[in-house]
Amino acid sequence: MTSRENMLQKIREYDFTMMDTGLFLNSHPKDAMALDHFRKAREKYNKAVKEYESKYGVLTTKNMDNNLQWTWIDDPWPWEGADN
């Protein structure tokens, strides 16, 4: 796997951890260990996304913060061979 693919995999893992732990917390809202686990995963997720986006551009339009121009479309799309 390339460095980019490794970074995306980590982001997916942290995202899954947050989703799974969030589901657990829906039925166990006072579980301090689970809440701490969720917070740690969220911190790792946010850090990984920030690092990825600093190298490769934004992952989602939610993270667009350029007020001068819509840059979401500037990078090659996956089917244009950017990941190869």
PDB file of N, CA and C in Angstrom:
ATOM      1  N   MET A   1       0.832  -1.186   0.000  1.00  0.00           N
ATOM      2  CA  MET A   1       0.000   0.000   0.000  1.00  0.00           C
ATOM      3  C   MET A   1       0.876   1.248   0.000  1.00  0.00           C
ATOM      4  N   THR A   2       0.398   2.266  -0.673  1.00  0.00           N
ATOM      5  CA  THR A   2       1.118   3.537  -0.687  1.00  0.00           C
ATOM      6  C   THR A   2       0.879   4.275   0.624  1.00  0.00           C
ATOM      7  N   SER A   3       1.655   5.300   0.853  1.00  0.00           N
ATOM      8  CA  SER A   3       1.481   6.121   2.051  1.00  0.00           C
ATOM      9  C   SER A   3       0.075   6.715   2.097  1.00  0.00           C
ATOM     10  N   ARG A   4      -0.404   7.152   0.943  1.00  0.00           N
ATOM     11  CA  ARG A   4      -1.751   7.733   0.862  1.00  0.00           C
ATOM     12  C   ARG A   4      -2.809   6.698   1.238  1.00  0.00           C
ATOM     13  N   GLU A   5      -2.666   5.492   0.711  1.00  0.00           N
ATOM     14  CA  GLU A   5      -3.618   4.424   1.024  1.00  0.00           C
ATOM     15  C   GLU A   5      -3.574   4.065   2.504  1.00  0.00           C
ATOM     16  N   ASN A   6      -2.377   4.035   3.078  1.00  0.00           N
ATOM     17  CA  ASN A   6      -2.248   3.754   4.511  1.00  0.00           C
ATOM     18  C   ASN A   6      -2.949   4.811   5.344  1.00  0.00           C
ATOM     19  N   MET A   7      -2.782   6.073   4.945  1.00  0.00           N
ATOM     20  CA  MET A   7      -3.433   7.157   5.679  1.00  0.00           C
ATOM     21  C   MET A   7      -4.956   7.033   5.590  1.00  0.00           C
ATOM     22  N   LEU A   8      -5.466   6.743   4.397  1.00  0.00           N
ATOM     23  CA  LEU A   8      -6.913   6.576   4.229  1.00  0.00           C
ATOM     24  C   LEU A   8      -7.431   5.389   5.040  1.00  0.00           C
ATOM     25  N   GLN A   9      -6.659   4.318   5.092  1.00  0.00           N
ATOM     26  CA  GLN A   9      -7.070   3.150   5.872  1.00  0.00           C
ATOM     27  C   GLN A   9      -7.192   3.503   7.350  1.00  0.00           C
ATOM     28  N   LYS A  10      -6.233   4.253   7.873  1.00  0.00           N
ATOM     29  CA  LYS A  10      -6.292   4.669   9.279  1.00  0.00           C
ATOM     30  C   LYS A  10      -7.529   5.528   9.527  1.00  0.00           C
ATOM     31  N   ILE A  11      -7.815   6.437   8.610  1.00  0.00           N
ATOM     32  CA  ILE A  11      -9.001   7.291   8.745  1.00  0.00           C
ATOM     33  C   ILE A  11     -10.259   6.428   8.784  1.00  0.00           C
ATOM     34  N   ARG A  12     -10.336   5.439   7.902  1.00  0.00           N
ATOM     35  CA  ARG A  12     -11.484   4.527   7.893  1.00  0.00           C
ATOM     36  C   ARG A  12     -11.597   3.758   9.206  1.00  0.00           C
ATOM     37  N   GLU A  13     -10.469   3.310   9.742  1.00  0.00           N
ATOM     38  CA  GLU A  13     -10.480   2.564  11.004  1.00  0.00           C
ATOM     39  C   GLU A  13     -10.974   3.435  12.150  1.00  0.00           C
ATOM     40  N   TYR A  14     -10.484   4.660  12.234  1.00  0.00           N
ATOM     41  CA  TYR A  14     -10.934   5.556  13.301  1.00  0.00           C
ATOM     42  C   TYR A  14     -12.411   5.890  13.133  1.00  0.00           C
ATOM     43  N   ASP A  15     -12.855   6.080  11.888  1.00  0.00           N
ATOM     44  CA  ASP A  15     -14.261   6.368  11.622  1.00  0.00           C
ATOM     45  C   ASP A  15     -15.137   5.196  12.058  1.00  0.00           C
ATOM     46  N   PHE A  16     -14.717   3.976  11.721  1.00  0.00           N
ATOM     47  CA  PHE A  16     -15.466   2.793  12.130  1.00  0.00           C
ATOM     48  C   PHE A  16     -15.524   2.688  13.652  1.00  0.00           C
ATOM     49  N   THR A  17     -14.401   2.939  14.307  1.00  0.00           N
ATOM     50  CA  THR A  17     -14.356   2.877  15.771  1.00  0.00           C
ATOM     51  C   THR A  17     -15.347   3.856  16.380  1.00  0.00           C
ATOM     52  N   MET A  18     -15.397   5.079  15.838  1.00  0.00           N
ATOM     53  CA  MET A  18     -16.346   6.064  16.365  1.00  0.00           C
ATOM     54  C   MET A  18     -17.787   5.627  16.128  1.00  0.00           C
ATOM     55  N   MET A  19     -18.082   5.099  14.933  1.00  0.00           N
ATOM     56  CA  MET A  19     -19.447   4.645  14.640  1.00  0.00           C
ATOM     57  C   MET A  19     -19.850   3.491  15.556  1.00  0.00           C
ATOM     58  N   ASP A  20     -18.971   2.515  15.689  1.00  0.00           N
ATOM     59  CA  ASP A  20     -19.261   1.342  16.500  1.00  0.00           C
ATOM     60  C   ASP A  20     -19.409   1.708  17.975  1.00  0.00           C
ATOM     61  N   THR A  21     -18.501   2.527  18.462  1.00  0.00           N
ATOM     62  CA  THR A  21     -18.566   2.944  19.867  1.00  0.00           C
ATOM     63  C   THR A  21     -19.789   3.817  20.102  1.00  0.00           C
ATOM     64  N   GLY A  22     -20.133   4.653  19.118  1.00  0.00           N
ATOM     65  CA  GLY A  22     -21.337   5.477  19.233  1.00  0.00           C
ATOM     66  C   GLY A  22     -22.588   4.626  19.362  1.00  0.00           C
ATOM     67  N   LEU A  23     -22.658   3.541  18.602  1.00  0.00           N
ATOM     68  CA  LEU A  23     -23.801   2.634  18.718  1.00  0.00           C
ATOM     69  C   LEU A  23     -23.859   2.007  20.107  1.00  0.00           C
ATOM     70  N   PHE A  24     -22.707   1.615  20.627  1.00  0.00           N
ATOM     71  CA  PHE A  24     -22.654   1.058  21.977  1.00  0.00           C
ATOM     72  C   PHE A  24     -23.115   2.097  22.998  1.00  0.00           C
ATOM     73  N   LEU A  25     -22.660   3.334  22.822  1.00  0.00           N
ATOM     74  CA  LEU A  25     -23.028   4.398  23.763  1.00  0.00           C
ATOM     75  C   LEU A  25     -24.517   4.730  23.705  1.00  0.00           C
ATOM     76  N   ASN A  26     -25.175   4.439  22.585  1.00  0.00           N
ATOM     77  CA  ASN A  26     -26.621   4.656  22.513  1.00  0.00           C
ATOM     78  C   ASN A  26     -27.359   3.836  23.560  1.00  0.00           C
ATOM     79  N   SER A  27     -26.847   2.661  23.862  1.00  0.00           N
ATOM     80  CA  SER A  27     -27.496   1.803  24.856  1.00  0.00           C
ATOM     81  C   SER A  27     -26.772   1.787  26.199  1.00  0.00           C
ATOM     82  N   HIS A  28     -25.595   2.415  26.266  1.00  0.00           N
ATOM     83  CA  HIS A  28     -24.816   2.486  27.503  1.00  0.00           C
ATOM     84  C   HIS A  28     -24.258   3.901  27.671  1.00  0.00           C
ATOM     85  N   PRO A  29     -25.124   4.907  27.759  1.00  0.00           N
ATOM     86  CA  PRO A  29     -24.675   6.302  27.726  1.00  0.00           C
ATOM     87  C   PRO A  29     -23.801   6.734  28.899  1.00  0.00           C
ATOM     88  N   LYS A  30     -23.802   5.983  29.964  1.00  0.00           N
ATOM     89  CA  LYS A  30     -23.002   6.370  31.137  1.00  0.00           C
ATOM     90  C   LYS A  30     -21.700   5.583  31.250  1.00  0.00           C
ATOM     91  N   ASP A  31     -21.373   4.815  30.254  1.00  0.00           N
ATOM     92  CA  ASP A  31     -20.156   4.010  30.284  1.00  0.00           C
ATOM     93  C   ASP A  31     -18.943   4.912  30.033  1.00  0.00           C
ATOM     94  N   ALA A  32     -18.230   5.228  31.097  1.00  0.00           N
ATOM     95  CA  ALA A  32     -17.104   6.166  31.019  1.00  0.00           C
ATOM     96  C   ALA A  32     -15.971   5.635  30.142  1.00  0.00           C
ATOM     97  N   MET A  33     -15.719   4.343  30.202  1.00  0.00           N
ATOM     98  CA  MET A  33     -14.642   3.772  29.383  1.00  0.00           C
ATOM     99  C   MET A  33     -14.968   3.876  27.894  1.00  0.00           C
ATOM    100  N   ALA A  34     -16.221   3.611  27.556  1.00  0.00           N
ATOM    101  CA  ALA A  34     -16.628   3.697  26.150  1.00  0.00           C
ATOM    102  C   ALA A  34     -16.569   5.141  25.665  1.00  0.00           C
ATOM    103  N   LEU A  35     -16.994   6.066  26.499  1.00  0.00           N
ATOM    104  CA  LEU A  35     -16.944   7.477  26.122  1.00  0.00           C
ATOM    105  C   LEU A  35     -15.501   7.935  25.929  1.00  0.00           C
ATOM    106  N   ASP A  36     -14.615   7.481  26.802  1.00  0.00           N
ATOM    107  CA  ASP A  36     -13.198   7.810  26.664  1.00  0.00           C
ATOM    108  C   ASP A  36     -12.631   7.198  25.383  1.00  0.00           C
ATOM    109  N   HIS A  37     -13.028   5.972  25.086  1.00  0.00           N
ATOM    110  CA  HIS A  37     -12.600   5.298  23.855  1.00  0.00           C
ATOM    111  C   HIS A  37     -13.062   6.095  22.629  1.00  0.00           C
ATOM    112  N   PHE A  38     -14.309   6.573  22.671  1.00  0.00           N
ATOM    113  CA  PHE A  38     -14.842   7.374  21.571  1.00  0.00           C
ATOM    114  C   PHE A  38     -14.050   8.665  21.404  1.00  0.00           C
ATOM    115  N   ARG A  39     -13.782   9.346  22.501  1.00  0.00           N
ATOM    116  CA  ARG A  39     -13.041  10.614  22.442  1.00  0.00           C
ATOM    117  C   ARG A  39     -11.635  10.418  21.878  1.00  0.00           C
ATOM    118  N   LYS A  40     -10.968   9.361  22.298  1.00  0.00           N
ATOM    119  CA  LYS A  40      -9.615   9.092  21.792  1.00  0.00           C
ATOM    120  C   LYS A  40      -9.641   8.782  20.301  1.00  0.00           C
ATOM    121  N   ALA A  41     -10.624   8.014  19.876  1.00  0.00           N
ATOM    122  CA  ALA A  41     -10.748   7.705  18.449  1.00  0.00           C
ATOM    123  C   ALA A  41     -11.039   8.973  17.655  1.00  0.00           C
ATOM    124  N   ARG A  42     -11.867   9.846  18.206  1.00  0.00           N
ATOM    125  CA  ARG A  42     -12.184  11.104  17.519  1.00  0.00           C
ATOM    126  C   ARG A  42     -10.947  11.981  17.389  1.00  0.00           C
ATOM    127  N   GLU A  43     -10.141  12.044  18.438  1.00  0.00           N
ATOM    128  CA  GLU A  43      -8.895  12.825  18.379  1.00  0.00           C
ATOM    129  C   GLU A  43      -7.970  12.271  17.298  1.00  0.00           C
ATOM    130  N   LYS A  44      -7.819  10.950  17.262  1.00  0.00           N
ATOM    131  CA  LYS A  44      -6.964  10.317  16.254  1.00  0.00           C
ATOM    132  C   LYS A  44      -7.526  10.539  14.853  1.00  0.00           C
ATOM    133  N   TYR A  45      -8.847  10.440  14.720  1.00  0.00           N
ATOM    134  CA  TYR A  45      -9.497  10.664  13.432  1.00  0.00           C
ATOM    135  C   TYR A  45      -9.242  12.089  12.944  1.00  0.00           C
ATOM    136  N   ASN A  46      -9.492  13.065  13.808  1.00  0.00           N
ATOM    137  CA  ASN A  46      -9.295  14.466  13.425  1.00  0.00           C
ATOM    138  C   ASN A  46      -7.847  14.747  13.039  1.00  0.00           C
ATOM    139  N   LYS A  47      -6.912  14.182  13.783  1.00  0.00           N
ATOM    140  CA  LYS A  47      -5.494  14.369  13.477  1.00  0.00           C
ATOM    141  C   LYS A  47      -5.142  13.723  12.135  1.00  0.00           C
ATOM    142  N   ALA A  48      -5.642  12.516  11.911  1.00  0.00           N
ATOM    143  CA  ALA A  48      -5.351  11.807  10.662  1.00  0.00           C
ATOM    144  C   ALA A  48      -5.947  12.536   9.460  1.00  0.00           C
ATOM    145  N   VAL A  49      -7.164  13.044   9.603  1.00  0.00           N
ATOM    146  CA  VAL A  49      -7.799  13.787   8.510  1.00  0.00           C
ATOM    147  C   VAL A  49      -7.015  15.060   8.218  1.00  0.00           C
ATOM    148  N   LYS A  50      -6.623  15.757   9.266  1.00  0.00           N
ATOM    149  CA  LYS A  50      -5.861  16.999   9.080  1.00  0.00           C
ATOM    150  C   LYS A  50      -4.545  16.720   8.356  1.00  0.00           C
ATOM    151  N   GLU A  51      -3.858  15.659   8.762  1.00  0.00           N
ATOM    152  CA  GLU A  51      -2.591  15.299   8.125  1.00  0.00           C
ATOM    153  C   GLU A  51      -2.810  14.902   6.663  1.00  0.00           C
ATOM    154  N   TYR A  52      -3.833  14.082   6.422  1.00  0.00           N
ATOM    155  CA  TYR A  52      -4.126  13.655   5.052  1.00  0.00           C
ATOM    156  C   TYR A  52      -4.441  14.863   4.172  1.00  0.00           C
ATOM    157  N   GLU A  53      -5.307  15.736   4.664  1.00  0.00           N
ATOM    158  CA  GLU A  53      -5.733  16.884   3.864  1.00  0.00           C
ATOM    159  C   GLU A  53      -4.600  17.868   3.614  1.00  0.00           C
ATOM    160  N   SER A  54      -3.644  17.948   4.526  1.00  0.00           N
ATOM    161  CA  SER A  54      -2.507  18.845   4.300  1.00  0.00           C
ATOM    162  C   SER A  54      -1.617  18.332   3.164  1.00  0.00           C
ATOM    163  N   LYS A  55      -1.637  17.003   2.944  1.00  0.00           N
ATOM    164  CA  LYS A  55      -0.809  16.413   1.886  1.00  0.00           C
ATOM    165  C   LYS A  55      -1.551  16.224   0.569  1.00  0.00           C
ATOM    166  N   TYR A  56      -2.828  15.851   0.652  1.00  0.00           N
ATOM    167  CA  TYR A  56      -3.536  15.410  -0.549  1.00  0.00           C
ATOM    168  C   TYR A  56      -4.801  16.196  -0.877  1.00  0.00           C
ATOM    169  N   GLY A  57      -5.200  17.128  -0.055  1.00  0.00           N
ATOM    170  CA  GLY A  57      -6.427  17.877  -0.300  1.00  0.00           C
ATOM    171  C   GLY A  57      -7.578  17.343   0.532  1.00  0.00           C
ATOM    172  N   VAL A  58      -8.672  18.075   0.511  1.00  0.00           N
ATOM    173  CA  VAL A  58      -9.799  17.752   1.384  1.00  0.00           C
ATOM    174  C   VAL A  58     -10.453  16.428   1.010  1.00  0.00           C
ATOM    175  N   LEU A  59     -10.966  15.750   2.035  1.00  0.00           N
ATOM    176  CA  LEU A  59     -11.658  14.475   1.838  1.00  0.00           C
ATOM    177  C   LEU A  59     -13.134  14.675   1.529  1.00  0.00           C
ATOM    178  N   THR A  60     -13.738  15.675   2.144  1.00  0.00           N
ATOM    179  CA  THR A  60     -15.160  15.941   1.933  1.00  0.00           C
ATOM    180  C   THR A  60     -15.376  17.440   1.784  1.00  0.00           C
ATOM    181  N   THR A  61     -16.498  17.799   1.200  1.00  0.00           N
ATOM    182  CA  THR A  61     -16.802  19.220   1.040  1.00  0.00           C
ATOM    183  C   THR A  61     -17.039  19.900   2.384  1.00  0.00           C
ATOM    184  N   LYS A  62     -17.335  19.132   3.408  1.00  0.00           N
ATOM    185  CA  LYS A  62     -17.533  19.716   4.743  1.00  0.00           C
ATOM    186  C   LYS A  62     -16.271  20.402   5.243  1.00  0.00           C
ATOM    187  N   ASN A  63     -15.129  19.987   4.741  1.00  0.00           N
ATOM    188  CA  ASN A  63     -13.860  20.526   5.215  1.00  0.00           C
ATOM    189  C   ASN A  63     -13.317  21.652   4.340  1.00  0.00           C
ATOM    190  N   MET A  64     -14.094  22.093   3.375  1.00  0.00           N
ATOM    191  CA  MET A  64     -13.669  23.212   2.524  1.00  0.00           C
ATOM    192  C   MET A  64     -13.671  24.493   3.356  1.00  0.00           C
ATOM    193  N   ASP A  65     -12.571  25.238   3.301  1.00  0.00           N
ATOM    194  CA  ASP A  65     -12.528  26.484   4.068  1.00  0.00           C
ATOM    195  C   ASP A  65     -11.944  27.647   3.265  1.00  0.00           C
ATOM    196  N   ASN A  66     -11.866  27.494   1.971  1.00  0.00           N
ATOM    197  CA  ASN A  66     -11.323  28.542   1.124  1.00  0.00           C
ATOM    198  C   ASN A  66     -12.467  29.434   0.651  1.00  0.00           C
ATOM    199  N   ASN A  67     -12.484  30.670   1.099  1.00  0.00           N
ATOM    200  CA  ASN A  67     -13.563  31.585   0.749  1.00  0.00           C
ATOM    201  C   ASN A  67     -13.384  32.226  -0.619  1.00  0.00           C
ATOM    202  N   LEU A  68     -12.213  32.113  -1.203  1.00  0.00           N
ATOM    203  CA  LEU A  68     -11.940  32.788  -2.463  1.00  0.00           C
ATOM    204  C   LEU A  68     -12.401  31.993  -3.681  1.00  0.00           C
ATOM    205  N   GLN A  69     -12.348  30.672  -3.571  1.00  0.00           N
ATOM    206  CA  GLN A  69     -12.651  29.839  -4.728  1.00  0.00           C
ATOM    207  C   GLN A  69     -13.030  28.441  -4.254  1.00  0.00           C
ATOM    208  N   TRP A  70     -13.911  27.786  -4.979  1.00  0.00           N
ATOM    209  CA  TRP A  70     -14.311  26.418  -4.681  1.00  0.00           C
ATOM    210  C   TRP A  70     -13.256  25.483  -5.255  1.00  0.00           C
ATOM    211  N   THR A  71     -12.357  24.981  -4.399  1.00  0.00           N
ATOM    212  CA  THR A  71     -11.216  24.191  -4.865  1.00  0.00           C
ATOM    213  C   THR A  71     -11.448  22.681  -4.824  1.00  0.00           C
ATOM    214  N   TRP A  72     -12.631  22.270  -4.421  1.00  0.00           N
ATOM    215  CA  TRP A  72     -12.940  20.842  -4.311  1.00  0.00           C
ATOM    216  C   TRP A  72     -12.657  20.107  -5.621  1.00  0.00           C
ATOM    217  N   ILE A  73     -12.881  20.752  -6.738  1.00  0.00           N
ATOM    218  CA  ILE A  73     -12.755  20.094  -8.042  1.00  0.00           C
ATOM    219  C   ILE A  73     -11.370  20.236  -8.662  1.00  0.00           C
ATOM    220  N   ASP A  74     -10.430  20.872  -7.984  1.00  0.00           N
ATOM    221  CA  ASP A  74      -9.111  21.126  -8.559  1.00  0.00           C
ATOM    222  C   ASP A  74      -8.240  19.879  -8.688  1.00  0.00           C
ATOM    223  N   ASP A  75      -8.357  18.954  -7.769  1.00  0.00           N
ATOM    224  CA  ASP A  75      -7.528  17.746  -7.801  1.00  0.00           C
ATOM    225  C   ASP A  75      -8.148  16.709  -8.733  1.00  0.00           C
ATOM    226  N   PRO A  76      -7.332  15.804  -9.259  1.00  0.00           N
ATOM    227  CA  PRO A  76      -7.883  14.743 -10.121  1.00  0.00           C
ATOM    228  C   PRO A  76      -8.866  13.867  -9.346  1.00  0.00           C
ATOM    229  N   TRP A  77      -9.881  13.408 -10.034  1.00  0.00           N
ATOM    230  CA  TRP A  77     -10.844  12.491  -9.441  1.00  0.00           C
ATOM    231  C   TRP A  77     -10.221  11.096  -9.426  1.00  0.00           C
ATOM    232  N   PRO A  78     -10.689  10.214  -8.547  1.00  0.00           N
ATOM    233  CA  PRO A  78     -10.088   8.875  -8.459  1.00  0.00           C
ATOM    234  C   PRO A  78     -10.036   8.141  -9.798  1.00  0.00           C
ATOM    235  N   TRP A  79     -11.068   8.272 -10.620  1.00  0.00           N
ATOM    236  CA  TRP A  79     -11.090   7.573 -11.903  1.00  0.00           C
ATOM    237  C   TRP A  79     -10.171   8.215 -12.938  1.00  0.00           C
ATOM    238  N   GLU A  80      -9.593   9.367 -12.598  1.00  0.00           N
ATOM    239  CA  GLU A  80      -8.636  10.012 -13.486  1.00  0.00           C
ATOM    240  C   GLU A  80      -7.199   9.562 -13.210  1.00  0.00           C
ATOM    241  N   GLY A  81      -7.048   8.583 -12.330  1.00  0.00           N
ATOM    242  CA  GLY A  81      -5.737   7.999 -12.088  1.00  0.00           C
ATOM    243  C   GLY A  81      -4.925   8.653 -10.994  1.00  0.00           C
ATOM    244  N   ALA A  82      -5.534   9.485 -10.175  1.00  0.00           N
ATOM    245  CA  ALA A  82      -4.794  10.173  -9.118  1.00  0.00           C
ATOM    246  C   ALA A  82      -4.264   9.207  -8.065  1.00  0.00           C
ATOM    247  N   ASP A  83      -4.964   8.109  -7.844  1.00  0.00           N
ATOM    248  CA  ASP A  83      -4.552   7.155  -6.808  1.00  0.00           C
ATOM    249  C   ASP A  83      -3.569   6.117  -7.322  1.00  0.00           C
ATOM    250  N   ASN A  84      -3.277   6.127  -8.589  1.00  0.00           N
ATOM    251  CA  ASN A  84      -2.387   5.103  -9.154  1.00  0.00           C
ATOM    252  C   ASN A  84      -0.946   5.498  -9.037  1.00  0.00           C
TER     253      ASN A  84
END
